[in-house]
Amino acid sequence: MAKQVRLTLAKAIAKANLRRAEVGEKPITMNSLAVQAGVAATTITRLACTDDKAASALSLDLASRIVTVLDCGIEDLLEVVEV
């Protein structure tokens, strides 16, 4: 079977917000993620959609900035699925 990498940004944001809530921090929005990662809000919105093309459009540099802002691992941002 073939495998495909799927971007799971919405899940990563949700996990980050759960961790933030546990320590009493404000949740991070897609807009604030975009500002902190240094990209346009439309880029984050597009990546958060479940479009299969989003993962191929994600650069390693942007992935690095996103996981840094969300304080998570790359495995929280990407998943490998059978197609």
PDB file of N, CA and C in Angstrom:
ATOM      1  N   MET A   1       0.836  -1.193   0.000  1.00  0.00           N
ATOM      2  CA  MET A   1       0.000   0.000   0.000  1.00  0.00           C
ATOM      3  C   MET A   1       0.879   1.253   0.000  1.00  0.00           C
ATOM      4  N   ALA A   2       0.366   2.279  -0.631  1.00  0.00           N
ATOM      5  CA  ALA A   2       1.075   3.556  -0.677  1.00  0.00           C
ATOM      6  C   ALA A   2       0.821   4.332   0.613  1.00  0.00           C
ATOM      7  N   LYS A   3       1.771   5.163   0.951  1.00  0.00           N
ATOM      8  CA  LYS A   3       1.630   6.003   2.141  1.00  0.00           C
ATOM      9  C   LYS A   3       1.686   7.459   1.725  1.00  0.00           C
ATOM     10  N   GLN A   4       1.020   8.267   2.509  1.00  0.00           N
ATOM     11  CA  GLN A   4       0.952   9.695   2.224  1.00  0.00           C
ATOM     12  C   GLN A   4       1.127  10.452   3.533  1.00  0.00           C
ATOM     13  N   VAL A   5       1.775  11.610   3.464  1.00  0.00           N
ATOM     14  CA  VAL A   5       1.936  12.458   4.637  1.00  0.00           C
ATOM     15  C   VAL A   5       0.772  13.428   4.677  1.00  0.00           C
ATOM     16  N   ARG A   6       0.126  13.498   5.823  1.00  0.00           N
ATOM     17  CA  ARG A   6      -1.011  14.398   5.998  1.00  0.00           C
ATOM     18  C   ARG A   6      -0.665  15.420   7.075  1.00  0.00           C
ATOM     19  N   LEU A   7      -1.003  16.650   6.796  1.00  0.00           N
ATOM     20  CA  LEU A   7      -0.781  17.742   7.730  1.00  0.00           C
ATOM     21  C   LEU A   7      -1.940  17.791   8.724  1.00  0.00           C
ATOM     22  N   THR A   8      -1.615  17.863  10.010  1.00  0.00           N
ATOM     23  CA  THR A   8      -2.645  17.877  11.051  1.00  0.00           C
ATOM     24  C   THR A   8      -2.497  19.119  11.928  1.00  0.00           C
ATOM     25  N   LEU A   9      -2.450  20.269  11.294  1.00  0.00           N
ATOM     26  CA  LEU A   9      -2.238  21.519  12.026  1.00  0.00           C
ATOM     27  C   LEU A   9      -3.372  21.811  12.998  1.00  0.00           C
ATOM     28  N   ALA A  10      -4.606  21.582  12.591  1.00  0.00           N
ATOM     29  CA  ALA A  10      -5.735  21.856  13.486  1.00  0.00           C
ATOM     30  C   ALA A  10      -5.631  21.026  14.766  1.00  0.00           C
ATOM     31  N   LYS A  11      -5.240  19.760  14.628  1.00  0.00           N
ATOM     32  CA  LYS A  11      -5.059  18.903  15.808  1.00  0.00           C
ATOM     33  C   LYS A  11      -3.906  19.401  16.672  1.00  0.00           C
ATOM     34  N   ALA A  12      -2.832  19.830  16.023  1.00  0.00           N
ATOM     35  CA  ALA A  12      -1.667  20.325  16.764  1.00  0.00           C
ATOM     36  C   ALA A  12      -2.019  21.572  17.557  1.00  0.00           C
ATOM     37  N   ILE A  13      -2.815  22.456  16.963  1.00  0.00           N
ATOM     38  CA  ILE A  13      -3.251  23.665  17.677  1.00  0.00           C
ATOM     39  C   ILE A  13      -4.136  23.282  18.858  1.00  0.00           C
ATOM     40  N   ALA A  14      -5.045  22.331  18.647  1.00  0.00           N
ATOM     41  CA  ALA A  14      -5.932  21.886  19.727  1.00  0.00           C
ATOM     42  C   ALA A  14      -5.125  21.286  20.885  1.00  0.00           C
ATOM     43  N   LYS A  15      -4.124  20.450  20.564  1.00  0.00           N
ATOM     44  CA  LYS A  15      -3.276  19.861  21.608  1.00  0.00           C
ATOM     45  C   LYS A  15      -2.507  20.940  22.358  1.00  0.00           C
ATOM     46  N   ALA A  16      -1.971  21.898  21.610  1.00  0.00           N
ATOM     47  CA  ALA A  16      -1.222  22.989  22.233  1.00  0.00           C
ATOM     48  C   ALA A  16      -2.129  23.788  23.162  1.00  0.00           C
ATOM     49  N   ASN A  17      -3.364  24.010  22.743  1.00  0.00           N
ATOM     50  CA  ASN A  17      -4.288  24.770  23.577  1.00  0.00           C
ATOM     51  C   ASN A  17      -4.700  24.002  24.823  1.00  0.00           C
ATOM     52  N   LEU A  18      -4.775  22.687  24.731  1.00  0.00           N
ATOM     53  CA  LEU A  18      -5.044  21.884  25.943  1.00  0.00           C
ATOM     54  C   LEU A  18      -3.899  22.037  26.937  1.00  0.00           C
ATOM     55  N   ARG A  19      -2.666  21.951  26.435  1.00  0.00           N
ATOM     56  CA  ARG A  19      -1.494  22.121  27.316  1.00  0.00           C
ATOM     57  C   ARG A  19      -1.477  23.519  27.910  1.00  0.00           C
ATOM     58  N   ARG A  20      -1.799  24.521  27.091  1.00  0.00           N
ATOM     59  CA  ARG A  20      -1.802  25.903  27.570  1.00  0.00           C
ATOM     60  C   ARG A  20      -2.883  26.095  28.636  1.00  0.00           C
ATOM     61  N   ALA A  21      -4.043  25.481  28.461  1.00  0.00           N
ATOM     62  CA  ALA A  21      -5.132  25.607  29.431  1.00  0.00           C
ATOM     63  C   ALA A  21      -4.743  24.986  30.775  1.00  0.00           C
ATOM     64  N   GLU A  22      -3.991  23.895  30.725  1.00  0.00           N
ATOM     65  CA  GLU A  22      -3.571  23.232  31.966  1.00  0.00           C
ATOM     66  C   GLU A  22      -2.687  24.120  32.837  1.00  0.00           C
ATOM     67  N   VAL A  23      -1.956  25.020  32.204  1.00  0.00           N
ATOM     68  CA  VAL A  23      -1.069  25.902  32.967  1.00  0.00           C
ATOM     69  C   VAL A  23      -1.621  27.320  33.066  1.00  0.00           C
ATOM     70  N   GLY A  24      -2.865  27.501  32.653  1.00  0.00           N
ATOM     71  CA  GLY A  24      -3.525  28.785  32.798  1.00  0.00           C
ATOM     72  C   GLY A  24      -3.175  29.824  31.750  1.00  0.00           C
ATOM     73  N   GLU A  25      -2.634  29.407  30.622  1.00  0.00           N
ATOM     74  CA  GLU A  25      -2.305  30.347  29.553  1.00  0.00           C
ATOM     75  C   GLU A  25      -3.476  30.490  28.593  1.00  0.00           C
ATOM     76  N   LYS A  26      -3.510  31.616  27.906  1.00  0.00           N
ATOM     77  CA  LYS A  26      -4.543  31.849  26.900  1.00  0.00           C
ATOM     78  C   LYS A  26      -4.326  30.906  25.717  1.00  0.00           C
ATOM     79  N   PRO A  27      -5.409  30.475  25.084  1.00  0.00           N
ATOM     80  CA  PRO A  27      -5.252  29.627  23.902  1.00  0.00           C
ATOM     81  C   PRO A  27      -4.638  30.412  22.747  1.00  0.00           C
ATOM     82  N   ILE A  28      -3.954  29.701  21.887  1.00  0.00           N
ATOM     83  CA  ILE A  28      -3.356  30.333  20.713  1.00  0.00           C
ATOM     84  C   ILE A  28      -4.351  30.225  19.549  1.00  0.00           C
ATOM     85  N   THR A  29      -4.537  31.302  18.856  1.00  0.00           N
ATOM     86  CA  THR A  29      -5.433  31.304  17.700  1.00  0.00           C
ATOM     87  C   THR A  29      -4.596  31.112  16.437  1.00  0.00           C
ATOM     88  N   MET A  30      -5.274  30.817  15.341  1.00  0.00           N
ATOM     89  CA  MET A  30      -4.554  30.691  14.081  1.00  0.00           C
ATOM     90  C   MET A  30      -3.911  32.016  13.703  1.00  0.00           C
ATOM     91  N   ASN A  31      -4.588  33.111  14.032  1.00  0.00           N
ATOM     92  CA  ASN A  31      -4.033  34.430  13.722  1.00  0.00           C
ATOM     93  C   ASN A  31      -2.772  34.697  14.538  1.00  0.00           C
ATOM     94  N   SER A  32      -2.796  34.402  15.831  1.00  0.00           N
ATOM     95  CA  SER A  32      -1.605  34.639  16.646  1.00  0.00           C
ATOM     96  C   SER A  32      -0.480  33.667  16.268  1.00  0.00           C
ATOM     97  N   LEU A  33      -0.822  32.461  15.864  1.00  0.00           N
ATOM     98  CA  LEU A  33       0.180  31.519  15.376  1.00  0.00           C
ATOM     99  C   LEU A  33       0.862  32.087  14.133  1.00  0.00           C
ATOM    100  N   ALA A  34       0.060  32.639  13.231  1.00  0.00           N
ATOM    101  CA  ALA A  34       0.613  33.229  12.007  1.00  0.00           C
ATOM    102  C   ALA A  34       1.573  34.367  12.335  1.00  0.00           C
ATOM    103  N   VAL A  35       1.166  35.246  13.245  1.00  0.00           N
ATOM    104  CA  VAL A  35       2.014  36.386  13.625  1.00  0.00           C
ATOM    105  C   VAL A  35       3.323  35.885  14.236  1.00  0.00           C
ATOM    106  N   GLN A  36       3.224  34.950  15.171  1.00  0.00           N
ATOM    107  CA  GLN A  36       4.428  34.454  15.851  1.00  0.00           C
ATOM    108  C   GLN A  36       5.334  33.649  14.926  1.00  0.00           C
ATOM    109  N   ALA A  37       4.734  32.980  13.927  1.00  0.00           N
ATOM    110  CA  ALA A  37       5.522  32.197  12.970  1.00  0.00           C
ATOM    111  C   ALA A  37       6.038  33.057  11.823  1.00  0.00           C
ATOM    112  N   GLY A  38       5.529  34.282  11.722  1.00  0.00           N
ATOM    113  CA  GLY A  38       6.004  35.194  10.690  1.00  0.00           C
ATOM    114  C   GLY A  38       5.459  34.927   9.299  1.00  0.00           C
ATOM    115  N   VAL A  39       4.207  34.445   9.238  1.00  0.00           N
ATOM    116  CA  VAL A  39       3.570  34.189   7.941  1.00  0.00           C
ATOM    117  C   VAL A  39       2.197  34.837   7.918  1.00  0.00           C
ATOM    118  N   ALA A  40       1.603  34.883   6.752  1.00  0.00           N
ATOM    119  CA  ALA A  40       0.264  35.445   6.616  1.00  0.00           C
ATOM    120  C   ALA A  40      -0.768  34.524   7.268  1.00  0.00           C
ATOM    121  N   ALA A  41      -1.804  35.126   7.818  1.00  0.00           N
ATOM    122  CA  ALA A  41      -2.877  34.347   8.438  1.00  0.00           C
ATOM    123  C   ALA A  41      -3.528  33.409   7.429  1.00  0.00           C
ATOM    124  N   THR A  42      -3.601  33.830   6.176  1.00  0.00           N
ATOM    125  CA  THR A  42      -4.197  32.962   5.153  1.00  0.00           C
ATOM    126  C   THR A  42      -3.367  31.697   4.938  1.00  0.00           C
ATOM    127  N   THR A  43      -2.062  31.794   5.142  1.00  0.00           N
ATOM    128  CA  THR A  43      -1.206  30.610   5.011  1.00  0.00           C
ATOM    129  C   THR A  43      -1.545  29.594   6.089  1.00  0.00           C
ATOM    130  N   ILE A  44      -1.681  30.056   7.322  1.00  0.00           N
ATOM    131  CA  ILE A  44      -2.020  29.156   8.427  1.00  0.00           C
ATOM    132  C   ILE A  44      -3.422  28.575   8.226  1.00  0.00           C
ATOM    133  N   THR A  45      -4.360  29.407   7.799  1.00  0.00           N
ATOM    134  CA  THR A  45      -5.721  28.929   7.550  1.00  0.00           C
ATOM    135  C   THR A  45      -5.720  27.851   6.478  1.00  0.00           C
ATOM    136  N   ARG A  46      -4.968  28.085   5.414  1.00  0.00           N
ATOM    137  CA  ARG A  46      -4.902  27.098   4.322  1.00  0.00           C
ATOM    138  C   ARG A  46      -4.276  25.796   4.813  1.00  0.00           C
ATOM    139  N   LEU A  47      -3.242  25.898   5.622  1.00  0.00           N
ATOM    140  CA  LEU A  47      -2.586  24.700   6.144  1.00  0.00           C
ATOM    141  C   LEU A  47      -3.461  23.948   7.144  1.00  0.00           C
ATOM    142  N   ALA A  48      -4.341  24.663   7.834  1.00  0.00           N
ATOM    143  CA  ALA A  48      -5.207  24.026   8.827  1.00  0.00           C
ATOM    144  C   ALA A  48      -6.360  23.268   8.183  1.00  0.00           C
ATOM    145  N   CYS A  49      -6.674  23.586   6.942  1.00  0.00           N
ATOM    146  CA  CYS A  49      -7.723  22.851   6.228  1.00  0.00           C
ATOM    147  C   CYS A  49      -7.242  21.434   5.977  1.00  0.00           C
ATOM    148  N   THR A  50      -8.168  20.541   5.737  1.00  0.00           N
ATOM    149  CA  THR A  50      -7.808  19.138   5.546  1.00  0.00           C
ATOM    150  C   THR A  50      -7.456  18.820   4.092  1.00  0.00           C
ATOM    151  N   ASP A  51      -7.023  19.822   3.355  1.00  0.00           N
ATOM    152  CA  ASP A  51      -6.610  19.648   1.967  1.00  0.00           C
ATOM    153  C   ASP A  51      -5.327  18.817   1.910  1.00  0.00           C
ATOM    154  N   ASP A  52      -5.340  17.738   1.130  1.00  0.00           N
ATOM    155  CA  ASP A  52      -4.170  16.860   1.045  1.00  0.00           C
ATOM    156  C   ASP A  52      -2.969  17.557   0.412  1.00  0.00           C
ATOM    157  N   LYS A  53      -3.183  18.613  -0.336  1.00  0.00           N
ATOM    158  CA  LYS A  53      -2.078  19.321  -0.970  1.00  0.00           C
ATOM    159  C   LYS A  53      -1.337  20.211   0.026  1.00  0.00           C
ATOM    160  N   ALA A  54      -1.922  20.464   1.176  1.00  0.00           N
ATOM    161  CA  ALA A  54      -1.319  21.373   2.152  1.00  0.00           C
ATOM    162  C   ALA A  54       0.022  20.843   2.644  1.00  0.00           C
ATOM    163  N   ALA A  55       0.125  19.549   2.881  1.00  0.00           N
ATOM    164  CA  ALA A  55       1.375  18.984   3.387  1.00  0.00           C
ATOM    165  C   ALA A  55       2.503  19.152   2.384  1.00  0.00           C
ATOM    166  N   SER A  56       2.196  19.051   1.105  1.00  0.00           N
ATOM    167  CA  SER A  56       3.247  19.204   0.103  1.00  0.00           C
ATOM    168  C   SER A  56       3.677  20.662  -0.028  1.00  0.00           C
ATOM    169  N   ALA A  57       2.834  21.587   0.391  1.00  0.00           N
ATOM    170  CA  ALA A  57       3.162  23.008   0.301  1.00  0.00           C
ATOM    171  C   ALA A  57       3.916  23.499   1.534  1.00  0.00           C
ATOM    172  N   LEU A  58       4.027  22.679   2.560  1.00  0.00           N
ATOM    173  CA  LEU A  58       4.680  23.071   3.807  1.00  0.00           C
ATOM    174  C   LEU A  58       6.187  22.922   3.698  1.00  0.00           C
ATOM    175  N   SER A  59       6.894  24.010   3.891  1.00  0.00           N
ATOM    176  CA  SER A  59       8.361  23.953   3.869  1.00  0.00           C
ATOM    177  C   SER A  59       8.873  23.503   5.238  1.00  0.00           C
ATOM    178  N   LEU A  60      10.076  22.984   5.249  1.00  0.00           N
ATOM    179  CA  LEU A  60      10.665  22.582   6.524  1.00  0.00           C
ATOM    180  C   LEU A  60      10.888  23.779   7.428  1.00  0.00           C
ATOM    181  N   ASP A  61      11.210  24.924   6.833  1.00  0.00           N
ATOM    182  CA  ASP A  61      11.410  26.137   7.618  1.00  0.00           C
ATOM    183  C   ASP A  61      10.113  26.535   8.321  1.00  0.00           C
ATOM    184  N   LEU A  62       9.009  26.534   7.590  1.00  0.00           N
ATOM    185  CA  LEU A  62       7.729  26.906   8.193  1.00  0.00           C
ATOM    186  C   LEU A  62       7.299  25.866   9.221  1.00  0.00           C
ATOM    187  N   ALA A  63       7.499  24.585   8.921  1.00  0.00           N
ATOM    188  CA  ALA A  63       7.162  23.534   9.892  1.00  0.00           C
ATOM    189  C   ALA A  63       7.933  23.745  11.182  1.00  0.00           C
ATOM    190  N   SER A  64       9.207  24.103  11.061  1.00  0.00           N
ATOM    191  CA  SER A  64      10.041  24.357  12.233  1.00  0.00           C
ATOM    192  C   SER A  64       9.512  25.529  13.046  1.00  0.00           C
ATOM    193  N   ARG A  65       9.124  26.599  12.358  1.00  0.00           N
ATOM    194  CA  ARG A  65       8.589  27.764  13.072  1.00  0.00           C
ATOM    195  C   ARG A  65       7.269  27.435  13.761  1.00  0.00           C
ATOM    196  N   ILE A  66       6.416  26.641  13.113  1.00  0.00           N
ATOM    197  CA  ILE A  66       5.125  26.281  13.707  1.00  0.00           C
ATOM    198  C   ILE A  66       5.316  25.429  14.955  1.00  0.00           C
ATOM    199  N   VAL A  67       6.163  24.399  14.876  1.00  0.00           N
ATOM    200  CA  VAL A  67       6.351  23.545  16.058  1.00  0.00           C
ATOM    201  C   VAL A  67       7.025  24.306  17.188  1.00  0.00           C
ATOM    202  N   THR A  68       7.843  25.298  16.855  1.00  0.00           N
ATOM    203  CA  THR A  68       8.455  26.119  17.893  1.00  0.00           C
ATOM    204  C   THR A  68       7.403  26.958  18.609  1.00  0.00           C
ATOM    205  N   VAL A  69       6.521  27.596  17.845  1.00  0.00           N
ATOM    206  CA  VAL A  69       5.467  28.419  18.446  1.00  0.00           C
ATOM    207  C   VAL A  69       4.504  27.550  19.260  1.00  0.00           C
ATOM    208  N   LEU A  70       4.141  26.381  18.721  1.00  0.00           N
ATOM    209  CA  LEU A  70       3.185  25.513  19.422  1.00  0.00           C
ATOM    210  C   LEU A  70       3.844  24.691  20.522  1.00  0.00           C
ATOM    211  N   ASP A  71       5.172  24.708  20.582  1.00  0.00           N
ATOM    212  CA  ASP A  71       5.925  23.929  21.567  1.00  0.00           C
ATOM    213  C   ASP A  71       5.536  22.454  21.487  1.00  0.00           C
ATOM    214  N   CYS A  72       5.637  21.926  20.263  1.00  0.00           N
ATOM    215  CA  CYS A  72       5.293  20.521  20.045  1.00  0.00           C
ATOM    216  C   CYS A  72       6.335  19.890  19.140  1.00  0.00           C
ATOM    217  N   GLY A  73       6.173  18.622  18.854  1.00  0.00           N
ATOM    218  CA  GLY A  73       7.083  17.924  17.954  1.00  0.00           C
ATOM    219  C   GLY A  73       6.508  17.861  16.546  1.00  0.00           C
ATOM    220  N   ILE A  74       7.361  17.542  15.600  1.00  0.00           N
ATOM    221  CA  ILE A  74       6.921  17.441  14.212  1.00  0.00           C
ATOM    222  C   ILE A  74       5.873  16.347  14.056  1.00  0.00           C
ATOM    223  N   GLU A  75       5.923  15.333  14.910  1.00  0.00           N
ATOM    224  CA  GLU A  75       4.938  14.247  14.850  1.00  0.00           C
ATOM    225  C   GLU A  75       3.540  14.726  15.228  1.00  0.00           C
ATOM    226  N   ASP A  76       3.442  15.859  15.901  1.00  0.00           N
ATOM    227  CA  ASP A  76       2.132  16.446  16.209  1.00  0.00           C
ATOM    228  C   ASP A  76       1.576  17.221  15.010  1.00  0.00           C
ATOM    229  N   LEU A  77       2.440  17.544  14.078  1.00  0.00           N
ATOM    230  CA  LEU A  77       2.061  18.356  12.925  1.00  0.00           C
ATOM    231  C   LEU A  77       1.804  17.518  11.667  1.00  0.00           C
ATOM    232  N   LEU A  78       2.479  16.374  11.575  1.00  0.00           N
ATOM    233  CA  LEU A  78       2.369  15.526  10.397  1.00  0.00           C
ATOM    234  C   LEU A  78       2.031  14.103  10.805  1.00  0.00           C
ATOM    235  N   GLU A  79       1.280  13.412   9.945  1.00  0.00           N
ATOM    236  CA  GLU A  79       1.030  11.991  10.183  1.00  0.00           C
ATOM    237  C   GLU A  79       1.121  11.266   8.855  1.00  0.00           C
ATOM    238  N   VAL A  80       1.537  10.019   8.910  1.00  0.00           N
ATOM    239  CA  VAL A  80       1.639   9.183   7.723  1.00  0.00           C
ATOM    240  C   VAL A  80       0.414   8.270   7.706  1.00  0.00           C
ATOM    241  N   VAL A  81      -0.284   8.263   6.565  1.00  0.00           N
ATOM    242  CA  VAL A  81      -1.493   7.447   6.427  1.00  0.00           C
ATOM    243  C   VAL A  81      -1.378   6.556   5.190  1.00  0.00           C
ATOM    244  N   GLU A  82      -2.033   5.423   5.244  1.00  0.00           N
ATOM    245  CA  GLU A  82      -2.110   4.522   4.096  1.00  0.00           C
ATOM    246  C   GLU A  82      -3.190   5.022   3.156  1.00  0.00           C
ATOM    247  N   VAL A  83      -2.888   4.988   1.856  1.00  0.00           N
ATOM    248  CA  VAL A  83      -3.897   5.392   0.866  1.00  0.00           C
ATOM    249  C   VAL A  83      -4.183   4.267  -0.086  1.00  0.00           C
TER     250      VAL A  83
END
